[in-house]
Amino acid sequence: MTGPRYELFSMLAQAAMHDMGVALIPPFLILRELHEKRLVIASISALPSNKAYHLMIPERKVESASLTAFRDWLVNQAHDYSLPQDKEQALV
């Protein structure tokens, strides 16, 4: 994987707010940024999981073709890792 990597979610949020890319950040860590519209949730779709990531982008970039393509790719990739819907299957 190329490009910058950040050790902290706060650094990742700052990078996304400064047009350096998209960020996968737990929303409870960026509630202020979401409330102030400095970041937006790129997709409201949620995949079943006991853990979650959220794709966040600045509101002015929501219509970006490259971000839409990235979001679609990410959802397709994540689909392969979703947990079984049946609780009994999940325990196996």
C-alpha atoms as a PDB file:
ATOM      1  CA  MET A   1       0.000   0.000   0.000  1.00  0.00           C
ATOM      2  CA  THR A   2       1.404   3.386  -0.969  1.00  0.00           C
ATOM      3  CA  GLY A   3       0.776   6.825   0.459  1.00  0.00           C
ATOM      4  CA  PRO A   4       0.851   8.244   3.969  1.00  0.00           C
ATOM      5  CA  ARG A   5      -0.128   6.198   6.992  1.00  0.00           C
ATOM      6  CA  TYR A   6      -1.308   7.654  10.278  1.00  0.00           C
ATOM      7  CA  GLU A   7      -0.964   6.171  13.743  1.00  0.00           C
ATOM      8  CA  LEU A   8      -3.897   8.017  15.328  1.00  0.00           C
ATOM      9  CA  PHE A   9      -7.520   8.425  14.260  1.00  0.00           C
ATOM     10  CA  SER A  10      -7.195  12.151  15.013  1.00  0.00           C
ATOM     11  CA  MET A  11      -4.390  12.425  12.457  1.00  0.00           C
ATOM     12  CA  LEU A  12      -6.480  10.504   9.941  1.00  0.00           C
ATOM     13  CA  ALA A  13      -9.456  12.822  10.485  1.00  0.00           C
ATOM     14  CA  GLN A  14      -7.250  15.882   9.983  1.00  0.00           C
ATOM     15  CA  ALA A  15      -5.886  14.433   6.744  1.00  0.00           C
ATOM     16  CA  ALA A  16      -9.414  13.788   5.424  1.00  0.00           C
ATOM     17  CA  MET A  17     -10.502  17.319   6.347  1.00  0.00           C
ATOM     18  CA  HIS A  18      -7.517  18.682   4.394  1.00  0.00           C
ATOM     19  CA  ASP A  19      -8.425  16.818   1.186  1.00  0.00           C
ATOM     20  CA  MET A  20      -5.709  14.189   1.564  1.00  0.00           C
ATOM     21  CA  GLY A  21      -8.095  11.285   1.038  1.00  0.00           C
ATOM     22  CA  VAL A  22     -10.799   9.267   2.725  1.00  0.00           C
ATOM     23  CA  ALA A  23     -10.743   7.935   6.263  1.00  0.00           C
ATOM     24  CA  LEU A  24     -12.098   4.872   8.038  1.00  0.00           C
ATOM     25  CA  ILE A  25     -12.810   6.164  11.548  1.00  0.00           C
ATOM     26  CA  PRO A  26     -15.241   5.099  14.296  1.00  0.00           C
ATOM     27  CA  PRO A  27     -17.917   7.836  14.234  1.00  0.00           C
ATOM     28  CA  PHE A  28     -17.917   8.331  18.008  1.00  0.00           C
ATOM     29  CA  LEU A  29     -14.379   9.722  17.637  1.00  0.00           C
ATOM     30  CA  ILE A  30     -15.426  12.431  15.172  1.00  0.00           C
ATOM     31  CA  LEU A  31     -18.851  13.498  16.444  1.00  0.00           C
ATOM     32  CA  ARG A  32     -17.835  17.168  16.522  1.00  0.00           C
ATOM     33  CA  GLU A  33     -16.514  17.043  12.949  1.00  0.00           C
ATOM     34  CA  LEU A  34     -19.720  15.349  11.792  1.00  0.00           C
ATOM     35  CA  HIS A  35     -21.903  17.864  13.642  1.00  0.00           C
ATOM     36  CA  GLU A  36     -19.938  20.791  12.187  1.00  0.00           C
ATOM     37  CA  LYS A  37     -20.112  19.206   8.695  1.00  0.00           C
ATOM     38  CA  ARG A  38     -16.323  19.173   8.398  1.00  0.00           C
ATOM     39  CA  LEU A  39     -16.643  15.445   7.667  1.00  0.00           C
ATOM     40  CA  VAL A  40     -19.589  13.459   6.334  1.00  0.00           C
ATOM     41  CA  ILE A  41     -20.418   9.777   6.268  1.00  0.00           C
ATOM     42  CA  ALA A  42     -19.822   8.702   2.679  1.00  0.00           C
ATOM     43  CA  SER A  43     -22.182   5.738   2.802  1.00  0.00           C
ATOM     44  CA  ILE A  44     -24.958   4.955   5.252  1.00  0.00           C
ATOM     45  CA  SER A  45     -24.848   1.280   4.311  1.00  0.00           C
ATOM     46  CA  ALA A  46     -23.706  -0.922   7.155  1.00  0.00           C
ATOM     47  CA  LEU A  47     -22.373  -4.430   6.907  1.00  0.00           C
ATOM     48  CA  PRO A  48     -23.137  -6.909   9.701  1.00  0.00           C
ATOM     49  CA  SER A  49     -20.095  -7.270  11.929  1.00  0.00           C
ATOM     50  CA  ASN A  50     -19.090  -7.238  15.543  1.00  0.00           C
ATOM     51  CA  LYS A  51     -16.654  -4.458  14.575  1.00  0.00           C
ATOM     52  CA  ALA A  52     -17.113  -1.592  12.154  1.00  0.00           C
ATOM     53  CA  TYR A  53     -15.339   0.999  10.078  1.00  0.00           C
ATOM     54  CA  HIS A  54     -16.915   4.046   8.473  1.00  0.00           C
ATOM     55  CA  LEU A  55     -15.838   5.808   5.311  1.00  0.00           C
ATOM     56  CA  MET A  56     -15.728   9.562   5.954  1.00  0.00           C
ATOM     57  CA  ILE A  57     -15.112  12.289   3.394  1.00  0.00           C
ATOM     58  CA  PRO A  58     -15.511  16.069   3.365  1.00  0.00           C
ATOM     59  CA  GLU A  59     -19.007  17.091   2.262  1.00  0.00           C
ATOM     60  CA  ARG A  60     -17.598  18.980  -0.733  1.00  0.00           C
ATOM     61  CA  LYS A  61     -16.158  15.682  -2.049  1.00  0.00           C
ATOM     62  CA  VAL A  62     -19.315  13.533  -1.770  1.00  0.00           C
ATOM     63  CA  GLU A  63     -19.917  13.645  -5.542  1.00  0.00           C
ATOM     64  CA  SER A  64     -16.328  12.673  -6.422  1.00  0.00           C
ATOM     65  CA  ALA A  65     -16.234   9.887  -9.023  1.00  0.00           C
ATOM     66  CA  SER A  66     -12.994   8.480  -7.628  1.00  0.00           C
ATOM     67  CA  LEU A  67     -14.396   8.383  -4.085  1.00  0.00           C
ATOM     68  CA  THR A  68     -17.573   6.724  -5.338  1.00  0.00           C
ATOM     69  CA  ALA A  69     -15.458   4.096  -7.097  1.00  0.00           C
ATOM     70  CA  PHE A  70     -13.358   3.600  -3.954  1.00  0.00           C
ATOM     71  CA  ARG A  71     -16.483   3.266  -1.789  1.00  0.00           C
ATOM     72  CA  ASP A  72     -17.982   0.691  -4.157  1.00  0.00           C
ATOM     73  CA  TRP A  73     -14.720  -1.277  -4.213  1.00  0.00           C
ATOM     74  CA  LEU A  74     -14.458  -1.149  -0.417  1.00  0.00           C
ATOM     75  CA  VAL A  75     -18.013  -2.413   0.060  1.00  0.00           C
ATOM     76  CA  ASN A  76     -17.338  -5.279  -2.363  1.00  0.00           C
ATOM     77  CA  GLN A  77     -14.151  -6.197  -0.510  1.00  0.00           C
ATOM     78  CA  ALA A  78     -15.841  -6.027   2.894  1.00  0.00           C
ATOM     79  CA  HIS A  79     -18.687  -8.243   1.709  1.00  0.00           C
ATOM     80  CA  ASP A  80     -16.296 -11.223   1.649  1.00  0.00           C
ATOM     81  CA  TYR A  81     -15.567 -10.707   5.360  1.00  0.00           C
ATOM     82  CA  SER A  82     -19.073 -10.165   6.712  1.00  0.00           C
ATOM     83  CA  LEU A  83     -20.189 -12.397   9.560  1.00  0.00           C
ATOM     84  CA  PRO A  84     -22.942 -15.016   9.165  1.00  0.00           C
ATOM     85  CA  GLN A  85     -26.426 -13.678   9.915  1.00  0.00           C
ATOM     86  CA  ASP A  86     -27.384 -16.790  11.875  1.00  0.00           C
ATOM     87  CA  LYS A  87     -26.103 -16.610  15.472  1.00  0.00           C
ATOM     88  CA  GLU A  88     -25.574 -20.370  15.638  1.00  0.00           C
ATOM     89  CA  GLN A  89     -23.358 -20.215  12.550  1.00  0.00           C
ATOM     90  CA  ALA A  90     -21.345 -17.400  14.122  1.00  0.00           C
ATOM     91  CA  LEU A  91     -20.532 -19.585  17.123  1.00  0.00           C
ATOM     92  CA  VAL A  92     -19.073 -22.411  15.018  1.00  0.00           C
END
